[in-house]
Amino acid sequence: MGAVTIERPTRTSKLTTETVRAGFNNAYRLSRRIFAALGQRDVLVTMGLVAVLVASAIGVVASVHTNRGLFNELSQLQGERDGYHREWSQLLLEQSALSAHGRIERLASDQLGLVVPGKQDIVLVQLPAQGSR
């Protein structure tokens, strides 16, 4: 079941030439007063300062937005840098473990069958003198 509302009848007035002319004259006088006030020096200065204030506020909002975006990017890049630093540290540890002298000697003797030469197996080779070519 729908709601029922009872409205009072509205009074409608006929538009006559006199009422239209009177309304137009009132609007014209009001607009002349507004434009006359806008022409005064104090109002112009105030309007100029309001425009500068609005432009400054928009600039601050844009600057804060850019700053937040750059800060988020900086945080992301710092996280990547920290990850690369951890990876580099792990690679340095791995390199030092793989290049240890004891490991290399053991691999050379086990896989390649190499042995450390004795004193009798070492031969010294003399370099020719510098002036005798």
Protein backbone atom coordinates (compact mmCIF):
# COMPACT_ATOMS: atom_id res chain seq x y z
CA MET A 1 0.00 0.00 0.00
CA GLY A 2 1.44 3.34 -1.00
CA ALA A 3 1.73 6.50 1.05
CA VAL A 4 -0.77 9.22 0.41
CA THR A 5 0.14 12.87 0.75
CA ILE A 6 -2.19 15.78 0.68
CA GLU A 7 -0.73 18.94 -0.73
CA ARG A 8 -2.12 22.37 -0.52
CA PRO A 9 -2.77 23.96 -3.84
CA THR A 10 -0.06 26.41 -4.82
CA ARG A 11 -0.89 29.89 -5.85
CA THR A 12 0.25 30.70 -9.28
CA SER A 13 0.57 34.26 -10.34
CA LYS A 14 0.44 35.36 -13.87
CA LEU A 15 3.53 36.86 -15.35
CA THR A 16 2.76 40.28 -16.46
CA THR A 17 4.93 42.76 -18.22
CA GLU A 18 5.13 44.89 -15.10
CA THR A 19 6.37 42.04 -12.87
CA VAL A 20 8.97 40.97 -15.42
CA ARG A 21 10.13 44.56 -15.88
CA ALA A 22 10.33 45.09 -12.11
CA GLY A 23 12.35 41.89 -11.65
CA PHE A 24 14.69 42.83 -14.47
CA ASN A 25 15.21 46.32 -13.01
CA ASN A 26 15.99 44.85 -9.58
CA ALA A 27 18.51 42.43 -11.09
CA TYR A 28 20.09 45.20 -13.15
CA ARG A 29 20.47 47.50 -10.11
CA LEU A 30 21.95 44.68 -8.05
CA SER A 31 24.44 43.71 -10.77
CA ARG A 32 25.50 47.38 -11.16
CA ARG A 33 26.16 47.59 -7.42
CA ILE A 34 28.20 44.37 -7.52
CA PHE A 35 30.28 45.49 -10.50
CA ALA A 36 30.76 48.93 -8.94
CA ALA A 37 32.06 47.27 -5.76
CA LEU A 38 34.40 45.10 -7.80
CA GLY A 39 35.91 48.21 -9.33
CA GLN A 40 37.04 49.55 -5.95
CA ARG A 41 40.73 49.21 -5.16
CA ASP A 42 40.30 47.34 -1.86
CA VAL A 43 38.08 44.71 -3.45
CA LEU A 44 40.49 44.21 -6.34
CA VAL A 45 43.43 43.80 -3.96
CA THR A 46 41.45 41.34 -1.86
CA MET A 47 40.40 39.34 -4.93
CA GLY A 48 44.00 39.28 -6.14
CA LEU A 49 45.23 38.04 -2.76
CA VAL A 50 42.52 35.37 -2.70
CA ALA A 51 43.61 34.21 -6.17
CA VAL A 52 47.26 34.04 -5.02
CA LEU A 53 46.19 32.16 -1.89
CA VAL A 54 44.22 29.59 -3.90
CA ALA A 55 47.12 29.13 -6.34
CA SER A 56 49.51 28.67 -3.42
CA ALA A 57 47.22 26.10 -1.80
CA ILE A 58 46.99 24.15 -5.05
CA GLY A 59 50.79 24.27 -5.32
CA VAL A 60 51.17 22.94 -1.77
CA VAL A 61 48.77 20.07 -2.47
CA ALA A 62 50.61 19.17 -5.67
CA SER A 63 53.96 19.34 -3.90
CA VAL A 64 52.79 17.11 -1.03
CA HIS A 65 51.38 14.59 -3.51
CA THR A 66 54.67 14.49 -5.45
CA ASN A 67 56.64 14.23 -2.20
CA ARG A 68 54.60 11.24 -1.02
CA GLY A 69 55.03 9.46 -4.33
CA LEU A 70 58.78 10.03 -4.29
CA PHE A 71 59.02 8.88 -0.65
CA ASN A 72 57.21 5.64 -1.52
CA GLU A 73 59.60 5.08 -4.42
CA LEU A 74 62.59 5.83 -2.16
CA SER A 75 61.38 3.29 0.40
CA GLN A 76 60.97 0.66 -2.30
CA LEU A 77 64.43 1.35 -3.72
CA GLN A 78 66.01 1.20 -0.26
CA GLY A 79 64.39 -2.20 0.27
CA GLU A 80 65.84 -3.40 -3.04
CA ARG A 81 69.25 -2.01 -2.06
CA ASP A 82 69.14 -3.88 1.25
CA GLY A 83 68.23 -7.10 -0.58
CA TYR A 84 71.14 -6.66 -2.99
CA HIS A 85 73.46 -5.95 -0.06
CA ARG A 86 72.39 -9.20 1.65
CA GLU A 87 72.89 -11.13 -1.59
CA TRP A 88 76.34 -9.56 -2.09
CA SER A 89 77.36 -10.53 1.47
CA GLN A 90 76.22 -14.11 0.88
CA LEU A 91 78.14 -14.25 -2.41
CA LEU A 92 81.30 -12.98 -0.70
CA LEU A 93 80.97 -15.70 1.94
CA GLU A 94 80.43 -18.32 -0.74
CA GLN A 95 83.44 -17.06 -2.71
CA SER A 96 85.69 -17.16 0.34
CA ALA A 97 84.49 -20.69 1.15
CA LEU A 98 85.01 -21.92 -2.42
CA SER A 99 88.44 -20.35 -2.78
CA ALA A 100 89.92 -21.62 0.49
CA HIS A 101 93.43 -23.07 -0.06
CA GLY A 102 92.69 -26.33 1.74
CA ARG A 103 89.66 -26.99 -0.46
CA ILE A 104 91.56 -26.26 -3.66
CA GLU A 105 94.47 -28.57 -2.63
CA ARG A 106 92.02 -31.33 -1.75
CA LEU A 107 90.15 -30.99 -5.09
CA ALA A 108 93.45 -30.93 -7.01
CA SER A 109 94.67 -34.11 -5.35
CA ASP A 110 91.34 -35.98 -5.37
CA GLN A 111 89.93 -35.09 -8.81
CA LEU A 112 93.05 -34.36 -10.83
CA GLY A 113 95.58 -36.57 -9.07
CA LEU A 114 98.00 -33.69 -8.49
CA VAL A 115 100.58 -33.76 -5.70
CA VAL A 116 102.85 -31.16 -4.20
CA PRO A 117 106.29 -31.60 -5.84
CA GLY A 118 109.24 -32.51 -3.67
CA LYS A 119 112.52 -30.54 -3.55
CA GLN A 120 114.18 -32.86 -6.03
CA ASP A 121 111.38 -32.26 -8.61
CA ILE A 122 111.64 -28.44 -8.56
CA VAL A 123 113.68 -26.91 -11.37
CA LEU A 124 114.72 -23.26 -11.31
CA VAL A 125 114.94 -21.49 -14.66
CA GLN A 126 117.25 -18.51 -14.98
CA LEU A 127 115.98 -15.48 -16.84
CA PRO A 128 118.34 -14.06 -19.46
CA ALA A 129 120.10 -10.81 -18.53
CA GLN A 130 118.39 -7.58 -19.53
CA GLY A 131 121.18 -6.27 -21.80
CA SER A 132 121.84 -9.46 -23.80
CA ARG A 133 119.29 -9.64 -26.51
